[in-house]
Amino acid sequence: MLANLEGYSEYKVRWAWADGKLEPGFTAVVRVKNEARSLPWALPPLFEAVRRVVLIDNGSTDGTSDVAGKVAEEVDASDRLYLAQAIPFLNVEAYDLYLKGRYWWAKRSDESFEKSIRFFEQAVARDPNYALPWVGLSDAFRLLAFYGVAPPEPFLLRARAAAERAQALDPALAEASYSLADTLYQVDGDWDGADREFRRAIALNSNYSTGRQWYSNYLSLVGDWEGAFREIQAARHLARRREGRLGTRGIAAALLRVFAG
C-alpha cells in the first residue's frame, strides 16, 4: 500500500500486481488541480515512459482536462489518456459497487441493466450522499425505457429523479448534468431546458464521450444536423475503452450522407 498526503486510508494506493496478472506496460495515475500551464511540457515525456496515463482532475477551473486532451492528441496518444473527475472516496465499498454497476451497464442488455441497477442501489445504500451511483441509476433507468423492457414512463420518471438527486449532491458533477439533460426532454418535453443543461455539462467536462453522444441524439431530434454531426464526431474521438459502447454510429453515417449531399 502507498500512503497519501491527505492521511486518509481510503486514498491509499493498492498495487495492481497484488491482485494477480497485469497487462504489459505501466499506467501512471496523476491527480492534478489547475495544472493547465504545466501539462504541455509534463505530459509528453510521461507518455513516452508509460503505456497509459490516468489523469484525475481534482476540480480544476483553468481547463486542465481540455489541455490534457489537446496535448495527448498532439503527441498521438489520445487513446492512452483516461480523464476522470476527482472521486470522493468517502466510502471505498460504495465506489467499488458503483464500478461494478458501470461494468454491467456497459454490456447493454435487459439482464445487464437490471444487474447494474442492483449494484448502483447497493452503492447508494452504502453512501446515500455519493452522487455517481445516482447518475448510474438514472442512466440505467433511461436505457431500460429506451430498450422497451417495460412501459417507459415509470423508468423515465425514476431516471429524472435520480439525476436530480445526483445534481443536488454534487452540482459540479458533469455526468449528473448530462443525465439530467437527457431526461428533461424525454420526460417533460423541456427541449430548451435540456439544451441549457447539455451546454452546462459540456462546460463542466467536455471530455465525457457518452454525454456528447447523448447531446448529438438530442440535436438530431431538434433538426440541428450540423450540431449533431459535430457532437457525434467529438464523442467518437473521445470514446475510451472503459466507457459504454457508442451505440449510435448510424447517426454519424446518416449525417455524413446529409452533408455529402
C-alpha atoms as a PDB file:
ATOM      1  CA  MET A   1       0.000   0.000   0.000  1.00  0.00           C
ATOM      2  CA  LEU A   2       1.114   3.573  -0.696  1.00  0.00           C
ATOM      3  CA  ALA A   3       0.183   6.312   1.778  1.00  0.00           C
ATOM      4  CA  ASN A   4      -1.041   9.752   0.734  1.00  0.00           C
ATOM      5  CA  LEU A   5      -0.695  13.339   1.879  1.00  0.00           C
ATOM      6  CA  GLU A   6      -4.323  13.609   2.931  1.00  0.00           C
ATOM      7  CA  GLY A   7      -3.782  10.924   5.555  1.00  0.00           C
ATOM      8  CA  TYR A   8      -6.985   9.056   4.656  1.00  0.00           C
ATOM      9  CA  SER A   9      -6.741   5.302   4.410  1.00  0.00           C
ATOM     10  CA  GLU A  10      -9.280   5.340   1.569  1.00  0.00           C
ATOM     11  CA  TYR A  11      -6.797   7.211  -0.634  1.00  0.00           C
ATOM     12  CA  LYS A  12      -4.032   4.637  -0.234  1.00  0.00           C
ATOM     13  CA  VAL A  13      -2.946   3.020  -3.475  1.00  0.00           C
ATOM     14  CA  ARG A  14      -3.007  -0.760  -3.689  1.00  0.00           C
ATOM     15  CA  TRP A  15      -0.504  -2.037  -6.219  1.00  0.00           C
ATOM     16  CA  ALA A  16      -2.318  -3.742  -9.061  1.00  0.00           C
ATOM     17  CA  TRP A  17       0.003  -6.724  -9.175  1.00  0.00           C
ATOM     18  CA  ALA A  18      -1.158  -7.700  -5.698  1.00  0.00           C
ATOM     19  CA  ASP A  19      -4.367  -8.978  -7.272  1.00  0.00           C
ATOM     20  CA  GLY A  20      -2.868 -11.157  -9.981  1.00  0.00           C
ATOM     21  CA  LYS A  21      -1.997 -10.885 -13.645  1.00  0.00           C
ATOM     22  CA  LEU A  22      -1.266  -7.497 -15.211  1.00  0.00           C
ATOM     23  CA  GLU A  23      -1.412  -6.275 -18.775  1.00  0.00           C
ATOM     24  CA  PRO A  24       2.036  -5.436 -20.168  1.00  0.00           C
ATOM     25  CA  GLY A  25       3.178  -1.868 -19.557  1.00  0.00           C
ATOM     26  CA  PHE A  26       2.874   0.667 -16.782  1.00  0.00           C
ATOM     27  CA  THR A  27      -0.019   3.006 -16.023  1.00  0.00           C
ATOM     28  CA  ALA A  28       0.645   6.397 -14.461  1.00  0.00           C
ATOM     29  CA  VAL A  29      -2.133   7.809 -12.252  1.00  0.00           C
ATOM     30  CA  VAL A  30      -1.801  11.578 -11.840  1.00  0.00           C
ATOM     31  CA  ARG A  31      -4.101  13.671  -9.656  1.00  0.00           C
ATOM     32  CA  VAL A  32      -3.941  17.374 -10.537  1.00  0.00           C
ATOM     33  CA  LYS A  33      -5.677  20.668  -9.946  1.00  0.00           C
ATOM     34  CA  ASN A  34      -5.243  23.801 -12.090  1.00  0.00           C
ATOM     35  CA  GLU A  35      -2.173  22.492 -13.913  1.00  0.00           C
ATOM     36  CA  ALA A  36      -3.093  23.627 -17.425  1.00  0.00           C
ATOM     37  CA  ARG A  37       0.146  25.601 -17.807  1.00  0.00           C
ATOM     38  CA  SER A  38       2.417  22.713 -16.834  1.00  0.00           C
ATOM     39  CA  LEU A  39       0.776  19.868 -18.777  1.00  0.00           C
ATOM     40  CA  PRO A  40       2.181  20.788 -22.243  1.00  0.00           C
ATOM     41  CA  TRP A  41       5.700  20.017 -21.015  1.00  0.00           C
ATOM     42  CA  ALA A  42       4.872  17.460 -18.303  1.00  0.00           C
ATOM     43  CA  LEU A  43       2.654  15.034 -20.229  1.00  0.00           C
ATOM     44  CA  PRO A  44       4.715  14.253 -23.394  1.00  0.00           C
ATOM     45  CA  PRO A  45       7.637  12.607 -21.539  1.00  0.00           C
ATOM     46  CA  LEU A  46       5.127  10.748 -19.380  1.00  0.00           C
ATOM     47  CA  PHE A  47       3.535   9.234 -22.473  1.00  0.00           C
ATOM     48  CA  GLU A  48       6.988   8.140 -23.610  1.00  0.00           C
ATOM     49  CA  ALA A  49       7.638   6.434 -20.279  1.00  0.00           C
ATOM     50  CA  VAL A  50       4.352   4.586 -19.677  1.00  0.00           C
ATOM     51  CA  ARG A  51       1.683   2.795 -21.659  1.00  0.00           C
ATOM     52  CA  ARG A  52      -1.277   4.810 -20.405  1.00  0.00           C
ATOM     53  CA  VAL A  53      -1.970   7.861 -18.246  1.00  0.00           C
ATOM     54  CA  VAL A  54      -4.962   8.263 -15.936  1.00  0.00           C
ATOM     55  CA  LEU A  55      -5.383  11.947 -15.117  1.00  0.00           C
ATOM     56  CA  ILE A  56      -7.755  12.691 -12.250  1.00  0.00           C
ATOM     57  CA  ASP A  57      -8.846  16.329 -12.351  1.00  0.00           C
ATOM     58  CA  ASN A  58      -9.392  17.455  -8.772  1.00  0.00           C
ATOM     59  CA  GLY A  59     -11.845  20.274  -9.514  1.00  0.00           C
ATOM     60  CA  SER A  60      -9.717  22.433 -11.809  1.00  0.00           C
ATOM     61  CA  THR A  61     -11.059  25.760 -13.020  1.00  0.00           C
ATOM     62  CA  ASP A  62      -8.375  26.533 -15.625  1.00  0.00           C
ATOM     63  CA  GLY A  63      -9.280  23.969 -18.294  1.00  0.00           C
ATOM     64  CA  THR A  64      -6.789  21.351 -17.139  1.00  0.00           C
ATOM     65  CA  SER A  65      -8.747  18.431 -18.642  1.00  0.00           C
ATOM     66  CA  ASP A  66      -9.146  20.167 -22.009  1.00  0.00           C
ATOM     67  CA  VAL A  67      -5.433  20.964 -22.167  1.00  0.00           C
ATOM     68  CA  ALA A  68      -4.565  17.358 -21.296  1.00  0.00           C
ATOM     69  CA  GLY A  69      -6.744  16.130 -24.150  1.00  0.00           C
ATOM     70  CA  LYS A  70      -5.115  18.536 -26.620  1.00  0.00           C
ATOM     71  CA  VAL A  71      -1.600  17.570 -25.528  1.00  0.00           C
ATOM     72  CA  ALA A  72      -2.413  13.868 -25.875  1.00  0.00           C
ATOM     73  CA  GLU A  73      -3.762  14.482 -29.365  1.00  0.00           C
ATOM     74  CA  GLU A  74      -0.641  16.425 -30.370  1.00  0.00           C
ATOM     75  CA  VAL A  75       1.631  13.532 -29.403  1.00  0.00           C
ATOM     76  CA  ASP A  76      -0.701  10.923 -30.932  1.00  0.00           C
ATOM     77  CA  ALA A  77      -1.611   9.453 -27.547  1.00  0.00           C
ATOM     78  CA  SER A  78      -5.328  10.198 -27.298  1.00  0.00           C
ATOM     79  CA  ASP A  79      -6.126   6.501 -26.976  1.00  0.00           C
ATOM     80  CA  ARG A  80      -3.768   6.223 -23.999  1.00  0.00           C
ATOM     81  CA  LEU A  81      -5.169   9.103 -21.935  1.00  0.00           C
ATOM     82  CA  TYR A  82      -8.018   8.471 -19.499  1.00  0.00           C
ATOM     83  CA  LEU A  83      -9.622  11.524 -17.931  1.00  0.00           C
ATOM     84  CA  ALA A  84     -11.611  11.359 -14.716  1.00  0.00           C
ATOM     85  CA  GLN A  85     -13.138  13.764 -12.271  1.00  0.00           C
ATOM     86  CA  ALA A  86     -11.826  13.650  -8.714  1.00  0.00           C
ATOM     87  CA  ILE A  87     -13.591  10.845  -6.884  1.00  0.00           C
ATOM     88  CA  PRO A  88     -14.686  11.489  -3.288  1.00  0.00           C
ATOM     89  CA  PHE A  89     -13.511   8.263  -1.685  1.00  0.00           C
ATOM     90  CA  LEU A  90     -15.753   8.681   1.332  1.00  0.00           C
ATOM     91  CA  ASN A  91     -16.691   5.045   1.056  1.00  0.00           C
ATOM     92  CA  VAL A  92     -14.444   2.728  -0.922  1.00  0.00           C
ATOM     93  CA  GLU A  93     -17.043  -0.053  -0.877  1.00  0.00           C
ATOM     94  CA  ALA A  94     -19.611   2.282  -2.447  1.00  0.00           C
ATOM     95  CA  TYR A  95     -17.145   3.211  -5.185  1.00  0.00           C
ATOM     96  CA  ASP A  96     -16.377  -0.450  -5.869  1.00  0.00           C
ATOM     97  CA  LEU A  97     -20.109  -1.203  -6.153  1.00  0.00           C
ATOM     98  CA  TYR A  98     -20.505   1.763  -8.497  1.00  0.00           C
ATOM     99  CA  LEU A  99     -17.752   0.417 -10.781  1.00  0.00           C
ATOM    100  CA  LYS A 100     -19.443  -2.994 -10.858  1.00  0.00           C
ATOM    101  CA  GLY A 101     -22.683  -1.270 -11.821  1.00  0.00           C
ATOM    102  CA  ARG A 102     -20.952   0.525 -14.679  1.00  0.00           C
ATOM    103  CA  TYR A 103     -19.431  -2.742 -15.862  1.00  0.00           C
ATOM    104  CA  TRP A 104     -22.870  -4.316 -16.260  1.00  0.00           C
ATOM    105  CA  TRP A 105     -24.434  -1.114 -17.597  1.00  0.00           C
ATOM    106  CA  ALA A 106     -21.921  -1.033 -20.450  1.00  0.00           C
ATOM    107  CA  LYS A 107     -22.995  -4.505 -21.638  1.00  0.00           C
ATOM    108  CA  ARG A 108     -26.329  -3.115 -22.866  1.00  0.00           C
ATOM    109  CA  SER A 109     -28.842  -5.899 -22.328  1.00  0.00           C
ATOM    110  CA  ASP A 110     -32.024  -6.246 -20.292  1.00  0.00           C
ATOM    111  CA  GLU A 111     -30.311  -8.564 -17.830  1.00  0.00           C
ATOM    112  CA  SER A 112     -27.184  -6.429 -17.527  1.00  0.00           C
ATOM    113  CA  PHE A 113     -29.189  -3.253 -16.895  1.00  0.00           C
ATOM    114  CA  GLU A 114     -31.030  -4.975 -14.064  1.00  0.00           C
ATOM    115  CA  LYS A 115     -27.724  -6.166 -12.584  1.00  0.00           C
ATOM    116  CA  SER A 116     -26.276  -2.677 -12.872  1.00  0.00           C
ATOM    117  CA  ILE A 117     -29.266  -1.233 -11.005  1.00  0.00           C
ATOM    118  CA  ARG A 118     -28.741  -3.689  -8.160  1.00  0.00           C
ATOM    119  CA  PHE A 119     -25.103  -2.612  -7.800  1.00  0.00           C
ATOM    120  CA  PHE A 120     -25.950   1.094  -8.040  1.00  0.00           C
ATOM    121  CA  GLU A 121     -28.654   0.667  -5.398  1.00  0.00           C
ATOM    122  CA  GLN A 122     -26.197  -1.136  -3.125  1.00  0.00           C
ATOM    123  CA  ALA A 123     -23.713   1.725  -3.610  1.00  0.00           C
ATOM    124  CA  VAL A 124     -26.379   4.275  -2.682  1.00  0.00           C
ATOM    125  CA  ALA A 125     -27.271   2.213   0.383  1.00  0.00           C
ATOM    126  CA  ARG A 126     -23.626   2.274   1.477  1.00  0.00           C
ATOM    127  CA  ASP A 127     -23.282   6.017   0.887  1.00  0.00           C
ATOM    128  CA  PRO A 128     -26.512   7.927   0.065  1.00  0.00           C
ATOM    129  CA  ASN A 129     -24.546  11.154  -0.432  1.00  0.00           C
ATOM    130  CA  TYR A 130     -22.287   9.743  -3.146  1.00  0.00           C
ATOM    131  CA  ALA A 131     -23.507  11.292  -6.411  1.00  0.00           C
ATOM    132  CA  LEU A 132     -22.092   8.915  -9.041  1.00  0.00           C
ATOM    133  CA  PRO A 133     -24.277   5.890  -8.191  1.00  0.00           C
ATOM    134  CA  TRP A 134     -27.318   8.149  -8.532  1.00  0.00           C
ATOM    135  CA  VAL A 135     -26.085   9.068 -12.017  1.00  0.00           C
ATOM    136  CA  GLY A 136     -25.675   5.363 -12.741  1.00  0.00           C
ATOM    137  CA  LEU A 137     -29.254   4.700 -11.686  1.00  0.00           C
ATOM    138  CA  SER A 138     -30.508   7.489 -13.929  1.00  0.00           C
ATOM    139  CA  ASP A 139     -28.590   6.115 -16.907  1.00  0.00           C
ATOM    140  CA  ALA A 140     -29.768   2.549 -16.297  1.00  0.00           C
ATOM    141  CA  PHE A 141     -33.438   3.508 -15.901  1.00  0.00           C
ATOM    142  CA  ARG A 142     -33.275   5.661 -19.025  1.00  0.00           C
ATOM    143  CA  LEU A 143     -31.805   2.919 -21.176  1.00  0.00           C
ATOM    144  CA  LEU A 144     -34.282   0.379 -19.844  1.00  0.00           C
ATOM    145  CA  ALA A 145     -37.000   2.714 -21.092  1.00  0.00           C
ATOM    146  CA  PHE A 146     -35.228   3.126 -24.428  1.00  0.00           C
ATOM    147  CA  TYR A 147     -34.857  -0.621 -24.912  1.00  0.00           C
ATOM    148  CA  GLY A 148     -38.576  -1.116 -24.277  1.00  0.00           C
ATOM    149  CA  VAL A 149     -38.230  -3.659 -21.488  1.00  0.00           C
ATOM    150  CA  ALA A 150     -41.443  -2.323 -19.930  1.00  0.00           C
ATOM    151  CA  PRO A 151     -43.657   0.757 -20.298  1.00  0.00           C
ATOM    152  CA  PRO A 152     -41.098   3.591 -20.422  1.00  0.00           C
ATOM    153  CA  GLU A 153     -42.797   6.270 -18.321  1.00  0.00           C
ATOM    154  CA  PRO A 154     -42.083   4.790 -14.846  1.00  0.00           C
ATOM    155  CA  PHE A 155     -38.426   4.240 -15.737  1.00  0.00           C
ATOM    156  CA  LEU A 156     -38.061   7.746 -17.159  1.00  0.00           C
ATOM    157  CA  LEU A 157     -39.570   9.302 -14.041  1.00  0.00           C
ATOM    158  CA  ARG A 158     -37.138   7.361 -11.871  1.00  0.00           C
ATOM    159  CA  ALA A 159     -34.297   8.387 -14.188  1.00  0.00           C
ATOM    160  CA  ARG A 160     -35.134  12.056 -13.779  1.00  0.00           C
ATOM    161  CA  ALA A 161     -35.439  11.766 -10.003  1.00  0.00           C
ATOM    162  CA  ALA A 162     -32.069  10.006  -9.745  1.00  0.00           C
ATOM    163  CA  ALA A 163     -30.362  12.610 -11.956  1.00  0.00           C
ATOM    164  CA  GLU A 164     -31.849  15.442  -9.898  1.00  0.00           C
ATOM    165  CA  ARG A 165     -30.621  13.768  -6.721  1.00  0.00           C
ATOM    166  CA  ALA A 166     -27.106  13.413  -8.160  1.00  0.00           C
ATOM    167  CA  GLN A 167     -27.001  17.061  -9.197  1.00  0.00           C
ATOM    168  CA  ALA A 168     -28.254  18.195  -5.790  1.00  0.00           C
ATOM    169  CA  LEU A 169     -25.472  16.215  -4.131  1.00  0.00           C
ATOM    170  CA  ASP A 170     -22.732  17.446  -6.472  1.00  0.00           C
ATOM    171  CA  PRO A 171     -23.686  20.454  -8.648  1.00  0.00           C
ATOM    172  CA  ALA A 172     -20.242  20.414 -10.309  1.00  0.00           C
ATOM    173  CA  LEU A 173     -20.536  16.795 -11.460  1.00  0.00           C
ATOM    174  CA  ALA A 174     -20.812  16.912 -15.243  1.00  0.00           C
ATOM    175  CA  GLU A 175     -22.189  13.370 -15.510  1.00  0.00           C
ATOM    176  CA  ALA A 176     -25.189  14.442 -13.443  1.00  0.00           C
ATOM    177  CA  SER A 177     -25.905  17.326 -15.803  1.00  0.00           C
ATOM    178  CA  TYR A 178     -25.601  15.143 -18.897  1.00  0.00           C
ATOM    179  CA  SER A 179     -28.024  12.607 -17.422  1.00  0.00           C
ATOM    180  CA  LEU A 180     -30.464  15.260 -16.256  1.00  0.00           C
ATOM    181  CA  ALA A 181     -30.405  16.933 -19.673  1.00  0.00           C
ATOM    182  CA  ASP A 182     -31.213  13.632 -21.344  1.00  0.00           C
ATOM    183  CA  THR A 183     -34.283  13.201 -19.137  1.00  0.00           C
ATOM    184  CA  LEU A 184     -35.641  16.746 -19.415  1.00  0.00           C
ATOM    185  CA  TYR A 185     -36.848  16.467 -22.980  1.00  0.00           C
ATOM    186  CA  GLN A 186     -37.830  12.807 -22.699  1.00  0.00           C
ATOM    187  CA  VAL A 187     -39.912  13.192 -19.530  1.00  0.00           C
ATOM    188  CA  ASP A 188     -41.089  16.810 -19.526  1.00  0.00           C
ATOM    189  CA  GLY A 189     -40.750  17.777 -23.176  1.00  0.00           C
ATOM    190  CA  ASP A 190     -38.486  20.584 -21.944  1.00  0.00           C
ATOM    191  CA  TRP A 191     -36.331  20.886 -25.061  1.00  0.00           C
ATOM    192  CA  ASP A 192     -34.897  24.308 -24.216  1.00  0.00           C
ATOM    193  CA  GLY A 193     -34.087  23.242 -20.675  1.00  0.00           C
ATOM    194  CA  ALA A 194     -32.371  20.113 -21.986  1.00  0.00           C
ATOM    195  CA  ASP A 195     -30.213  22.174 -24.317  1.00  0.00           C
ATOM    196  CA  ARG A 196     -29.172  24.502 -21.497  1.00  0.00           C
ATOM    197  CA  GLU A 197     -28.319  21.537 -19.275  1.00  0.00           C
ATOM    198  CA  PHE A 198     -26.289  19.841 -22.009  1.00  0.00           C
ATOM    199  CA  ARG A 199     -24.323  23.062 -22.536  1.00  0.00           C
ATOM    200  CA  ARG A 200     -23.750  23.327 -18.804  1.00  0.00           C
ATOM    201  CA  ALA A 201     -22.485  19.750 -18.725  1.00  0.00           C
ATOM    202  CA  ILE A 202     -20.050  20.414 -21.553  1.00  0.00           C
ATOM    203  CA  ALA A 203     -18.767  23.499 -19.739  1.00  0.00           C
ATOM    204  CA  LEU A 204     -18.138  21.328 -16.675  1.00  0.00           C
ATOM    205  CA  ASN A 205     -16.473  18.498 -18.596  1.00  0.00           C
ATOM    206  CA  SER A 206     -16.311  18.386 -22.382  1.00  0.00           C
ATOM    207  CA  ASN A 207     -14.424  15.081 -22.379  1.00  0.00           C
ATOM    208  CA  TYR A 208     -17.276  12.743 -21.402  1.00  0.00           C
ATOM    209  CA  SER A 209     -17.870  10.897 -24.669  1.00  0.00           C
ATOM    210  CA  THR A 210     -21.150   9.233 -23.695  1.00  0.00           C
ATOM    211  CA  GLY A 211     -22.642  12.590 -22.722  1.00  0.00           C
ATOM    212  CA  ARG A 212     -21.551  14.138 -26.009  1.00  0.00           C
ATOM    213  CA  GLN A 213     -23.247  11.221 -27.787  1.00  0.00           C
ATOM    214  CA  TRP A 214     -26.477  11.957 -25.922  1.00  0.00           C
ATOM    215  CA  TYR A 215     -26.255  15.612 -26.924  1.00  0.00           C
ATOM    216  CA  SER A 216     -25.833  14.507 -30.536  1.00  0.00           C
ATOM    217  CA  ASN A 217     -29.006  12.429 -30.251  1.00  0.00           C
ATOM    218  CA  TYR A 218     -30.852  15.450 -28.871  1.00  0.00           C
ATOM    219  CA  LEU A 219     -29.591  17.779 -31.596  1.00  0.00           C
ATOM    220  CA  SER A 220     -30.613  15.333 -34.315  1.00  0.00           C
ATOM    221  CA  LEU A 221     -34.140  15.258 -32.883  1.00  0.00           C
ATOM    222  CA  VAL A 222     -34.435  19.064 -32.978  1.00  0.00           C
ATOM    223  CA  GLY A 223     -33.117  19.137 -36.550  1.00  0.00           C
ATOM    224  CA  ASP A 224     -29.703  20.638 -35.854  1.00  0.00           C
ATOM    225  CA  TRP A 225     -27.853  18.240 -38.162  1.00  0.00           C
ATOM    226  CA  GLU A 226     -24.610  20.185 -38.177  1.00  0.00           C
ATOM    227  CA  GLY A 227     -24.530  20.296 -34.384  1.00  0.00           C
ATOM    228  CA  ALA A 228     -25.450  16.610 -34.136  1.00  0.00           C
ATOM    229  CA  PHE A 229     -22.649  15.703 -36.512  1.00  0.00           C
ATOM    230  CA  ARG A 230     -20.182  17.823 -34.522  1.00  0.00           C
ATOM    231  CA  GLU A 231     -21.147  16.156 -31.260  1.00  0.00           C
ATOM    232  CA  ILE A 232     -21.109  12.564 -32.537  1.00  0.00           C
ATOM    233  CA  GLN A 233     -17.675  13.199 -34.021  1.00  0.00           C
ATOM    234  CA  ALA A 234     -16.497  14.589 -30.690  1.00  0.00           C
ATOM    235  CA  ALA A 235     -17.991  11.579 -28.893  1.00  0.00           C
ATOM    236  CA  ARG A 236     -16.271   9.105 -31.192  1.00  0.00           C
ATOM    237  CA  HIS A 237     -12.991  10.939 -30.788  1.00  0.00           C
ATOM    238  CA  LEU A 238     -13.241  10.961 -27.005  1.00  0.00           C
ATOM    239  CA  ALA A 239     -14.503   7.413 -26.589  1.00  0.00           C
ATOM    240  CA  ARG A 240     -12.428   5.274 -24.296  1.00  0.00           C
ATOM    241  CA  ARG A 241     -12.425   1.519 -23.892  1.00  0.00           C
ATOM    242  CA  ARG A 242     -13.573   1.884 -20.310  1.00  0.00           C
ATOM    243  CA  GLU A 243     -16.726   3.788 -21.267  1.00  0.00           C
ATOM    244  CA  GLY A 244     -20.010   2.409 -22.607  1.00  0.00           C
ATOM    245  CA  ARG A 245     -20.160   1.388 -26.230  1.00  0.00           C
ATOM    246  CA  LEU A 246     -21.054   4.127 -28.690  1.00  0.00           C
ATOM    247  CA  GLY A 247     -24.298   2.684 -29.913  1.00  0.00           C
ATOM    248  CA  THR A 248     -25.445   5.311 -32.419  1.00  0.00           C
ATOM    249  CA  ARG A 249     -22.731   5.382 -35.047  1.00  0.00           C
ATOM    250  CA  GLY A 250     -25.518   5.106 -37.574  1.00  0.00           C
ATOM    251  CA  ILE A 251     -26.446   8.691 -36.755  1.00  0.00           C
ATOM    252  CA  ALA A 252     -22.977   9.828 -37.780  1.00  0.00           C
ATOM    253  CA  ALA A 253     -23.223   7.854 -41.009  1.00  0.00           C
ATOM    254  CA  ALA A 254     -26.627   9.367 -41.784  1.00  0.00           C
ATOM    255  CA  LEU A 255     -25.355  12.859 -41.105  1.00  0.00           C
ATOM    256  CA  LEU A 256     -22.351  12.256 -43.324  1.00  0.00           C
ATOM    257  CA  ARG A 257     -24.756  11.390 -46.109  1.00  0.00           C
ATOM    258  CA  VAL A 258     -26.670  14.629 -45.430  1.00  0.00           C
ATOM    259  CA  PHE A 259     -23.554  16.773 -45.685  1.00  0.00           C
ATOM    260  CA  ALA A 260     -22.299  14.835 -48.686  1.00  0.00           C
ATOM    261  CA  GLY A 261     -25.471  15.831 -50.474  1.00  0.00           C
END
